[in-house]
Amino acid sequence: MGGRDRDRGALKSVLVVAGGLALAWVTMETAFKPWLDRLRSAMARSDPTADPDDVDTADTPTIGDKTEEDVVNVEEEVKTDKGIQSSD
């Protein structure tokens, strides 16, 4: 008879601990929902195969770098601005 009481006590303890952990998890999920949603969306957008240390900085354009396309676009804007000013 003593063994059964011990088994029931252990089962009760397991159920109480599991219930407490579940309640704590639900509480944390609801309390920190905005931050957890942002964190989860950032993790979903990230590429797990990309290593930021392997990125070659020479291939990454900086603010001062201009491509040929940028120069052409600026020249076209200047031409259109001059055309608008001369027609006025």
PDB file of N, CA and C in Angstrom:
ATOM      1  N   MET A   1       0.814  -1.199   0.000  1.00  0.00           N
ATOM      2  CA  MET A   1       0.000   0.000   0.000  1.00  0.00           C
ATOM      3  C   MET A   1       0.854   1.257   0.000  1.00  0.00           C
ATOM      4  N   GLY A   2       2.005   1.257   0.593  1.00  0.00           N
ATOM      5  CA  GLY A   2       2.861   2.425   0.662  1.00  0.00           C
ATOM      6  C   GLY A   2       3.400   2.814  -0.699  1.00  0.00           C
ATOM      7  N   GLY A   3       3.632   1.808  -1.569  1.00  0.00           N
ATOM      8  CA  GLY A   3       4.162   2.080  -2.902  1.00  0.00           C
ATOM      9  C   GLY A   3       3.163   2.813  -3.780  1.00  0.00           C
ATOM     10  N   ARG A   4       1.908   2.473  -3.658  1.00  0.00           N
ATOM     11  CA  ARG A   4       0.877   3.120  -4.470  1.00  0.00           C
ATOM     12  C   ARG A   4       0.723   4.592  -4.090  1.00  0.00           C
ATOM     13  N   ASP A   5       0.766   4.880  -2.817  1.00  0.00           N
ATOM     14  CA  ASP A   5       0.638   6.265  -2.365  1.00  0.00           C
ATOM     15  C   ASP A   5       1.804   7.107  -2.881  1.00  0.00           C
ATOM     16  N   ARG A   6       3.000   6.497  -2.885  1.00  0.00           N
ATOM     17  CA  ARG A   6       4.179   7.208  -3.392  1.00  0.00           C
ATOM     18  C   ARG A   6       4.055   7.468  -4.891  1.00  0.00           C
ATOM     19  N   ASP A   7       3.534   6.486  -5.638  1.00  0.00           N
ATOM     20  CA  ASP A   7       3.353   6.646  -7.073  1.00  0.00           C
ATOM     21  C   ASP A   7       2.327   7.740  -7.386  1.00  0.00           C
ATOM     22  N   ARG A   8       1.256   7.776  -6.605  1.00  0.00           N
ATOM     23  CA  ARG A   8       0.247   8.814  -6.809  1.00  0.00           C
ATOM     24  C   ARG A   8       0.802  10.191  -6.478  1.00  0.00           C
ATOM     25  N   GLY A   9       1.614  10.261  -5.459  1.00  0.00           N
ATOM     26  CA  GLY A   9       2.230  11.538  -5.078  1.00  0.00           C
ATOM     27  C   GLY A   9       3.201  12.019  -6.148  1.00  0.00           C
ATOM     28  N   ALA A  10       3.944  11.092  -6.725  1.00  0.00           N
ATOM     29  CA  ALA A  10       4.881  11.457  -7.787  1.00  0.00           C
ATOM     30  C   ALA A  10       4.114  11.912  -9.032  1.00  0.00           C
ATOM     31  N   LEU A  11       3.035  11.228  -9.352  1.00  0.00           N
ATOM     32  CA  LEU A  11       2.224  11.611 -10.503  1.00  0.00           C
ATOM     33  C   LEU A  11       1.612  12.991 -10.301  1.00  0.00           C
ATOM     34  N   LYS A  12       1.126  13.270  -9.091  1.00  0.00           N
ATOM     35  CA  LYS A  12       0.573  14.591  -8.785  1.00  0.00           C
ATOM     36  C   LYS A  12       1.640  15.670  -8.942  1.00  0.00           C
ATOM     37  N   SER A  13       2.832  15.375  -8.465  1.00  0.00           N
ATOM     38  CA  SER A  13       3.926  16.344  -8.565  1.00  0.00           C
ATOM     39  C   SER A  13       4.269  16.627 -10.022  1.00  0.00           C
ATOM     40  N   VAL A  14       4.309  15.596 -10.838  1.00  0.00           N
ATOM     41  CA  VAL A  14       4.614  15.769 -12.253  1.00  0.00           C
ATOM     42  C   VAL A  14       3.537  16.620 -12.919  1.00  0.00           C
ATOM     43  N   LEU A  15       2.266  16.330 -12.596  1.00  0.00           N
ATOM     44  CA  LEU A  15       1.167  17.095 -13.184  1.00  0.00           C
ATOM     45  C   LEU A  15       1.186  18.551 -12.736  1.00  0.00           C
ATOM     46  N   VAL A  16       1.486  18.807 -11.489  1.00  0.00           N
ATOM     47  CA  VAL A  16       1.543  20.179 -10.980  1.00  0.00           C
ATOM     48  C   VAL A  16       2.689  20.943 -11.643  1.00  0.00           C
ATOM     49  N   VAL A  17       3.852  20.332 -11.765  1.00  0.00           N
ATOM     50  CA  VAL A  17       4.998  20.982 -12.395  1.00  0.00           C
ATOM     51  C   VAL A  17       4.711  21.239 -13.876  1.00  0.00           C
ATOM     52  N   ALA A  18       4.143  20.265 -14.579  1.00  0.00           N
ATOM     53  CA  ALA A  18       3.821  20.440 -15.995  1.00  0.00           C
ATOM     54  C   ALA A  18       2.782  21.555 -16.178  1.00  0.00           C
ATOM     55  N   GLY A  19       1.788  21.592 -15.315  1.00  0.00           N
ATOM     56  CA  GLY A  19       0.782  22.654 -15.377  1.00  0.00           C
ATOM     57  C   GLY A  19       1.392  24.024 -15.106  1.00  0.00           C
ATOM     58  N   GLY A  20       2.293  24.083 -14.133  1.00  0.00           N
ATOM     59  CA  GLY A  20       2.968  25.350 -13.835  1.00  0.00           C
ATOM     60  C   GLY A  20       3.825  25.830 -14.993  1.00  0.00           C
ATOM     61  N   LEU A  21       4.536  24.907 -15.638  1.00  0.00           N
ATOM     62  CA  LEU A  21       5.360  25.284 -16.789  1.00  0.00           C
ATOM     63  C   LEU A  21       4.497  25.755 -17.953  1.00  0.00           C
ATOM     64  N   ALA A  22       3.376  25.080 -18.174  1.00  0.00           N
ATOM     65  CA  ALA A  22       2.470  25.493 -19.250  1.00  0.00           C
ATOM     66  C   ALA A  22       1.888  26.875 -18.967  1.00  0.00           C
ATOM     67  N   LEU A  23       1.509  27.133 -17.743  1.00  0.00           N
ATOM     68  CA  LEU A  23       0.973  28.433 -17.371  1.00  0.00           C
ATOM     69  C   LEU A  23       2.034  29.528 -17.528  1.00  0.00           C
ATOM     70  N   ALA A  24       3.259  29.236 -17.125  1.00  0.00           N
ATOM     71  CA  ALA A  24       4.353  30.201 -17.275  1.00  0.00           C
ATOM     72  C   ALA A  24       4.614  30.495 -18.749  1.00  0.00           C
ATOM     73  N   TRP A  25       4.576  29.480 -19.597  1.00  0.00           N
ATOM     74  CA  TRP A  25       4.804  29.671 -21.034  1.00  0.00           C
ATOM     75  C   TRP A  25       3.711  30.547 -21.645  1.00  0.00           C
ATOM     76  N   VAL A  26       2.458  30.268 -21.312  1.00  0.00           N
ATOM     77  CA  VAL A  26       1.349  31.063 -21.846  1.00  0.00           C
ATOM     78  C   VAL A  26       1.448  32.504 -21.358  1.00  0.00           C
ATOM     79  N   THR A  27       1.824  32.696 -20.114  1.00  0.00           N
ATOM     80  CA  THR A  27       1.971  34.044 -19.568  1.00  0.00           C
ATOM     81  C   THR A  27       3.058  34.814 -20.295  1.00  0.00           C
ATOM     82  N   MET A  28       4.188  34.200 -20.539  1.00  0.00           N
ATOM     83  CA  MET A  28       5.290  34.849 -21.244  1.00  0.00           C
ATOM     84  C   MET A  28       4.901  35.159 -22.688  1.00  0.00           C
ATOM     85  N   GLU A  29       4.210  34.250 -23.353  1.00  0.00           N
ATOM     86  CA  GLU A  29       3.791  34.477 -24.736  1.00  0.00           C
ATOM     87  C   GLU A  29       2.857  35.677 -24.835  1.00  0.00           C
ATOM     88  N   THR A  30       1.932  35.818 -23.908  1.00  0.00           N
ATOM     89  CA  THR A  30       0.990  36.928 -23.975  1.00  0.00           C
ATOM     90  C   THR A  30       1.625  38.236 -23.518  1.00  0.00           C
ATOM     91  N   ALA A  31       2.515  38.180 -22.544  1.00  0.00           N
ATOM     92  CA  ALA A  31       3.128  39.399 -22.022  1.00  0.00           C
ATOM     93  C   ALA A  31       4.109  40.008 -23.019  1.00  0.00           C
ATOM     94  N   PHE A  32       4.870  39.179 -23.729  1.00  0.00           N
ATOM     95  CA  PHE A  32       5.891  39.674 -24.638  1.00  0.00           C
ATOM     96  C   PHE A  32       5.532  39.449 -26.105  1.00  0.00           C
ATOM     97  N   LYS A  33       4.242  39.396 -26.411  1.00  0.00           N
ATOM     98  CA  LYS A  33       3.796  39.097 -27.771  1.00  0.00           C
ATOM     99  C   LYS A  33       4.358  40.046 -28.833  1.00  0.00           C
ATOM    100  N   PRO A  34       4.332  41.364 -28.642  1.00  0.00           N
ATOM    101  CA  PRO A  34       4.853  42.245 -29.704  1.00  0.00           C
ATOM    102  C   PRO A  34       6.329  41.989 -30.018  1.00  0.00           C
ATOM    103  N   TRP A  35       7.125  41.804 -29.004  1.00  0.00           N
ATOM    104  CA  TRP A  35       8.558  41.574 -29.220  1.00  0.00           C
ATOM    105  C   TRP A  35       8.814  40.203 -29.821  1.00  0.00           C
ATOM    106  N   LEU A  36       8.066  39.219 -29.380  1.00  0.00           N
ATOM    107  CA  LEU A  36       8.243  37.876 -29.916  1.00  0.00           C
ATOM    108  C   LEU A  36       7.806  37.808 -31.384  1.00  0.00           C
ATOM    109  N   ASP A  37       6.748  38.523 -31.745  1.00  0.00           N
ATOM    110  CA  ASP A  37       6.310  38.545 -33.145  1.00  0.00           C
ATOM    111  C   ASP A  37       7.374  39.177 -34.035  1.00  0.00           C
ATOM    112  N   ARG A  38       7.962  40.303 -33.562  1.00  0.00           N
ATOM    113  CA  ARG A  38       9.017  40.946 -34.346  1.00  0.00           C
ATOM    114  C   ARG A  38      10.230  40.046 -34.482  1.00  0.00           C
ATOM    115  N   LEU A  39      10.588  39.371 -33.411  1.00  0.00           N
ATOM    116  CA  LEU A  39      11.734  38.466 -33.431  1.00  0.00           C
ATOM    117  C   LEU A  39      11.483  37.296 -34.374  1.00  0.00           C
ATOM    118  N   ARG A  40      10.293  36.732 -34.326  1.00  0.00           N
ATOM    119  CA  ARG A  40       9.978  35.591 -35.186  1.00  0.00           C
ATOM    120  C   ARG A  40       9.943  35.994 -36.665  1.00  0.00           C
ATOM    121  N   SER A  41       9.435  37.190 -36.954  1.00  0.00           N
ATOM    122  CA  SER A  41       9.401  37.617 -38.355  1.00  0.00           C
ATOM    123  C   SER A  41      10.808  37.914 -38.864  1.00  0.00           C
ATOM    124  N   ALA A  42      11.676  38.448 -38.001  1.00  0.00           N
ATOM    125  CA  ALA A  42      13.060  38.691 -38.413  1.00  0.00           C
ATOM    126  C   ALA A  42      13.780  37.377 -38.664  1.00  0.00           C
ATOM    127  N   MET A  43      13.510  36.384 -37.863  1.00  0.00           N
ATOM    128  CA  MET A  43      14.138  35.084 -38.055  1.00  0.00           C
ATOM    129  C   MET A  43      13.623  34.420 -39.330  1.00  0.00           C
ATOM    130  N   ALA A  44      12.362  34.644 -39.656  1.00  0.00           N
ATOM    131  CA  ALA A  44      11.785  34.042 -40.863  1.00  0.00           C
ATOM    132  C   ALA A  44      12.371  34.683 -42.121  1.00  0.00           C
ATOM    133  N   ARG A  45      12.697  35.981 -42.051  1.00  0.00           N
ATOM    134  CA  ARG A  45      13.261  36.676 -43.207  1.00  0.00           C
ATOM    135  C   ARG A  45      14.746  36.395 -43.389  1.00  0.00           C
ATOM    136  N   SER A  46      15.424  35.987 -42.347  1.00  0.00           N
ATOM    137  CA  SER A  46      16.865  35.814 -42.434  1.00  0.00           C
ATOM    138  C   SER A  46      17.225  34.561 -43.227  1.00  0.00           C
ATOM    139  N   ASP A  47      18.425  34.564 -43.779  1.00  0.00           N
ATOM    140  CA  ASP A  47      18.933  33.437 -44.553  1.00  0.00           C
ATOM    141  C   ASP A  47      19.912  32.674 -43.669  1.00  0.00           C
ATOM    142  N   PRO A  48      19.553  31.486 -43.205  1.00  0.00           N
ATOM    143  CA  PRO A  48      20.431  30.765 -42.282  1.00  0.00           C
ATOM    144  C   PRO A  48      21.735  30.294 -42.925  1.00  0.00           C
ATOM    145  N   THR A  49      21.774  30.229 -44.256  1.00  0.00           N
ATOM    146  CA  THR A  49      23.003  29.773 -44.908  1.00  0.00           C
ATOM    147  C   THR A  49      23.987  30.904 -45.121  1.00  0.00           C
ATOM    148  N   ALA A  50      23.538  32.155 -44.995  1.00  0.00           N
ATOM    149  CA  ALA A  50      24.423  33.299 -45.215  1.00  0.00           C
ATOM    150  C   ALA A  50      25.191  33.613 -43.941  1.00  0.00           C
ATOM    151  N   ASP A  51      26.495  33.747 -44.080  1.00  0.00           N
ATOM    152  CA  ASP A  51      27.347  34.109 -42.961  1.00  0.00           C
ATOM    153  C   ASP A  51      27.787  35.553 -43.163  1.00  0.00           C
ATOM    154  N   PRO A  52      27.421  36.461 -42.257  1.00  0.00           N
ATOM    155  CA  PRO A  52      27.766  37.863 -42.458  1.00  0.00           C
ATOM    156  C   PRO A  52      29.274  38.106 -42.485  1.00  0.00           C
ATOM    157  N   ASP A  53      30.064  37.228 -41.906  1.00  0.00           N
ATOM    158  CA  ASP A  53      31.514  37.382 -41.928  1.00  0.00           C
ATOM    159  C   ASP A  53      32.101  37.067 -43.293  1.00  0.00           C
ATOM    160  N   ASP A  54      31.351  36.315 -44.115  1.00  0.00           N
ATOM    161  CA  ASP A  54      31.852  35.936 -45.436  1.00  0.00           C
ATOM    162  C   ASP A  54      31.514  36.951 -46.515  1.00  0.00           C
ATOM    163  N   VAL A  55      30.742  37.978 -46.186  1.00  0.00           N
ATOM    164  CA  VAL A  55      30.335  38.970 -47.166  1.00  0.00           C
ATOM    165  C   VAL A  55      31.554  39.786 -47.562  1.00  0.00           C
ATOM    166  N   ASP A  56      31.776  39.901 -48.883  1.00  0.00           N
ATOM    167  CA  ASP A  56      32.902  40.669 -49.386  1.00  0.00           C
ATOM    168  C   ASP A  56      32.503  42.141 -49.407  1.00  0.00           C
ATOM    169  N   THR A  57      33.243  42.969 -48.701  1.00  0.00           N
ATOM    170  CA  THR A  57      32.883  44.381 -48.603  1.00  0.00           C
ATOM    171  C   THR A  57      33.137  45.127 -49.899  1.00  0.00           C
ATOM    172  N   ALA A  58      33.982  44.608 -50.799  1.00  0.00           N
ATOM    173  CA  ALA A  58      34.241  45.281 -52.070  1.00  0.00           C
ATOM    174  C   ALA A  58      33.015  45.210 -52.979  1.00  0.00           C
ATOM    175  N   ASP A  59      32.192  44.189 -52.835  1.00  0.00           N
ATOM    176  CA  ASP A  59      31.003  44.052 -53.671  1.00  0.00           C
ATOM    177  C   ASP A  59      29.826  44.858 -53.143  1.00  0.00           C
ATOM    178  N   THR A  60      29.921  45.323 -51.930  1.00  0.00           N
ATOM    179  CA  THR A  60      28.825  46.050 -51.322  1.00  0.00           C
ATOM    180  C   THR A  60      28.975  47.538 -51.606  1.00  0.00           C
ATOM    181  N   PRO A  61      27.996  48.157 -52.269  1.00  0.00           N
ATOM    182  CA  PRO A  61      28.116  49.589 -52.562  1.00  0.00           C
ATOM    183  C   PRO A  61      27.971  50.423 -51.295  1.00  0.00           C
ATOM    184  N   THR A  62      28.713  51.495 -51.239  1.00  0.00           N
ATOM    185  CA  THR A  62      28.605  52.420 -50.119  1.00  0.00           C
ATOM    186  C   THR A  62      27.826  53.642 -50.575  1.00  0.00           C
ATOM    187  N   ILE A  63      27.644  54.583 -49.701  1.00  0.00           N
ATOM    188  CA  ILE A  63      26.844  55.757 -50.019  1.00  0.00           C
ATOM    189  C   ILE A  63      27.489  56.576 -51.137  1.00  0.00           C
ATOM    190  N   GLY A  64      28.808  56.709 -51.127  1.00  0.00           N
ATOM    191  CA  GLY A  64      29.497  57.521 -52.113  1.00  0.00           C
ATOM    192  C   GLY A  64      29.665  56.853 -53.464  1.00  0.00           C
ATOM    193  N   ASP A  65      29.464  55.539 -53.546  1.00  0.00           N
ATOM    194  CA  ASP A  65      29.637  54.830 -54.816  1.00  0.00           C
ATOM    195  C   ASP A  65      28.501  55.167 -55.775  1.00  0.00           C
ATOM    196  N   LYS A  66      28.866  55.423 -57.022  1.00  0.00           N
ATOM    197  CA  LYS A  66      27.862  55.695 -58.042  1.00  0.00           C
ATOM    198  C   LYS A  66      28.045  54.695 -59.166  1.00  0.00           C
ATOM    199  N   THR A  67      26.960  54.123 -59.596  1.00  0.00           N
ATOM    200  CA  THR A  67      27.015  53.215 -60.729  1.00  0.00           C
ATOM    201  C   THR A  67      26.781  54.011 -62.001  1.00  0.00           C
ATOM    202  N   GLU A  68      27.036  53.402 -63.116  1.00  0.00           N
ATOM    203  CA  GLU A  68      26.839  54.065 -64.405  1.00  0.00           C
ATOM    204  C   GLU A  68      25.370  54.446 -64.586  1.00  0.00           C
ATOM    205  N   GLU A  69      24.477  53.603 -64.113  1.00  0.00           N
ATOM    206  CA  GLU A  69      23.048  53.866 -64.228  1.00  0.00           C
ATOM    207  C   GLU A  69      22.669  55.110 -63.433  1.00  0.00           C
ATOM    208  N   ASP A  70      23.256  55.286 -62.238  1.00  0.00           N
ATOM    209  CA  ASP A  70      22.974  56.469 -61.435  1.00  0.00           C
ATOM    210  C   ASP A  70      23.423  57.733 -62.156  1.00  0.00           C
ATOM    211  N   VAL A  71      24.591  57.684 -62.781  1.00  0.00           N
ATOM    212  CA  VAL A  71      25.110  58.848 -63.484  1.00  0.00           C
ATOM    213  C   VAL A  71      24.206  59.203 -64.653  1.00  0.00           C
ATOM    214  N   VAL A  72      23.755  58.213 -65.410  1.00  0.00           N
ATOM    215  CA  VAL A  72      22.860  58.454 -66.545  1.00  0.00           C
ATOM    216  C   VAL A  72      21.559  59.062 -66.056  1.00  0.00           C
ATOM    217  N   ASN A  73      21.009  58.536 -64.944  1.00  0.00           N
ATOM    218  CA  ASN A  73      19.756  59.075 -64.413  1.00  0.00           C
ATOM    219  C   ASN A  73      19.908  60.524 -63.991  1.00  0.00           C
ATOM    220  N   VAL A  74      21.022  60.861 -63.382  1.00  0.00           N
ATOM    221  CA  VAL A  74      21.257  62.233 -62.957  1.00  0.00           C
ATOM    222  C   VAL A  74      21.382  63.145 -64.176  1.00  0.00           C
ATOM    223  N   GLU A  75      22.099  62.697 -65.215  1.00  0.00           N
ATOM    224  CA  GLU A  75      22.238  63.503 -66.426  1.00  0.00           C
ATOM    225  C   GLU A  75      20.891  63.743 -67.085  1.00  0.00           C
ATOM    226  N   GLU A  76      20.026  62.730 -67.106  1.00  0.00           N
ATOM    227  CA  GLU A  76      18.696  62.891 -67.686  1.00  0.00           C
ATOM    228  C   GLU A  76      17.866  63.886 -66.886  1.00  0.00           C
ATOM    229  N   GLU A  77      17.990  63.830 -65.556  1.00  0.00           N
ATOM    230  CA  GLU A  77      17.255  64.771 -64.715  1.00  0.00           C
ATOM    231  C   GLU A  77      17.720  66.193 -64.970  1.00  0.00           C
ATOM    232  N   VAL A  78      19.031  66.389 -65.126  1.00  0.00           N
ATOM    233  CA  VAL A  78      19.565  67.720 -65.394  1.00  0.00           C
ATOM    234  C   VAL A  78      19.060  68.237 -66.730  1.00  0.00           C
ATOM    235  N   LYS A  79      19.037  67.370 -67.745  1.00  0.00           N
ATOM    236  CA  LYS A  79      18.548  67.772 -69.068  1.00  0.00           C
ATOM    237  C   LYS A  79      17.081  68.181 -69.004  1.00  0.00           C
ATOM    238  N   THR A  80      16.271  67.390 -68.293  1.00  0.00           N
ATOM    239  CA  THR A  80      14.852  67.718 -68.208  1.00  0.00           C
ATOM    240  C   THR A  80      14.642  68.984 -67.398  1.00  0.00           C
ATOM    241  N   ASP A  81      15.426  69.194 -66.347  1.00  0.00           N
ATOM    242  CA  ASP A  81      15.312  70.419 -65.558  1.00  0.00           C
ATOM    243  C   ASP A  81      15.677  71.632 -66.393  1.00  0.00           C
ATOM    244  N   LYS A  82      16.733  71.533 -67.190  1.00  0.00           N
ATOM    245  CA  LYS A  82      17.148  72.650 -68.052  1.00  0.00           C
ATOM    246  C   LYS A  82      16.092  72.919 -69.118  1.00  0.00           C
ATOM    247  N   GLY A  83      15.505  71.858 -69.650  1.00  0.00           N
ATOM    248  CA  GLY A  83      14.454  72.015 -70.659  1.00  0.00           C
ATOM    249  C   GLY A  83      13.238  72.703 -70.088  1.00  0.00           C
ATOM    250  N   ILE A  84      12.898  72.380 -68.868  1.00  0.00           N
ATOM    251  CA  ILE A  84      11.721  73.000 -68.228  1.00  0.00           C
ATOM    252  C   ILE A  84      12.005  74.469 -67.951  1.00  0.00           C
ATOM    253  N   GLN A  85      13.220  74.783 -67.498  1.00  0.00           N
ATOM    254  CA  GLN A  85      13.561  76.161 -67.174  1.00  0.00           C
ATOM    255  C   GLN A  85      13.634  77.030 -68.428  1.00  0.00           C
ATOM    256  N   SER A  86      14.148  76.494 -69.530  1.00  0.00           N
ATOM    257  CA  SER A  86      14.297  77.295 -70.746  1.00  0.00           C
ATOM    258  C   SER A  86      12.964  77.544 -71.418  1.00  0.00           C
ATOM    259  N   SER A  87      11.989  76.666 -71.212  1.00  0.00           N
ATOM    260  CA  SER A  87      10.693  76.849 -71.862  1.00  0.00           C
ATOM    261  C   SER A  87       9.822  77.847 -71.101  1.00  0.00           C
ATOM    262  N   ASP A  88      10.178  78.146 -69.859  1.00  0.00           N
ATOM    263  CA  ASP A  88       9.369  79.096 -69.069  1.00  0.00           C
ATOM    264  C   ASP A  88       9.597  80.494 -69.434  1.00  0.00           C
TER     265      ASP A  88
END
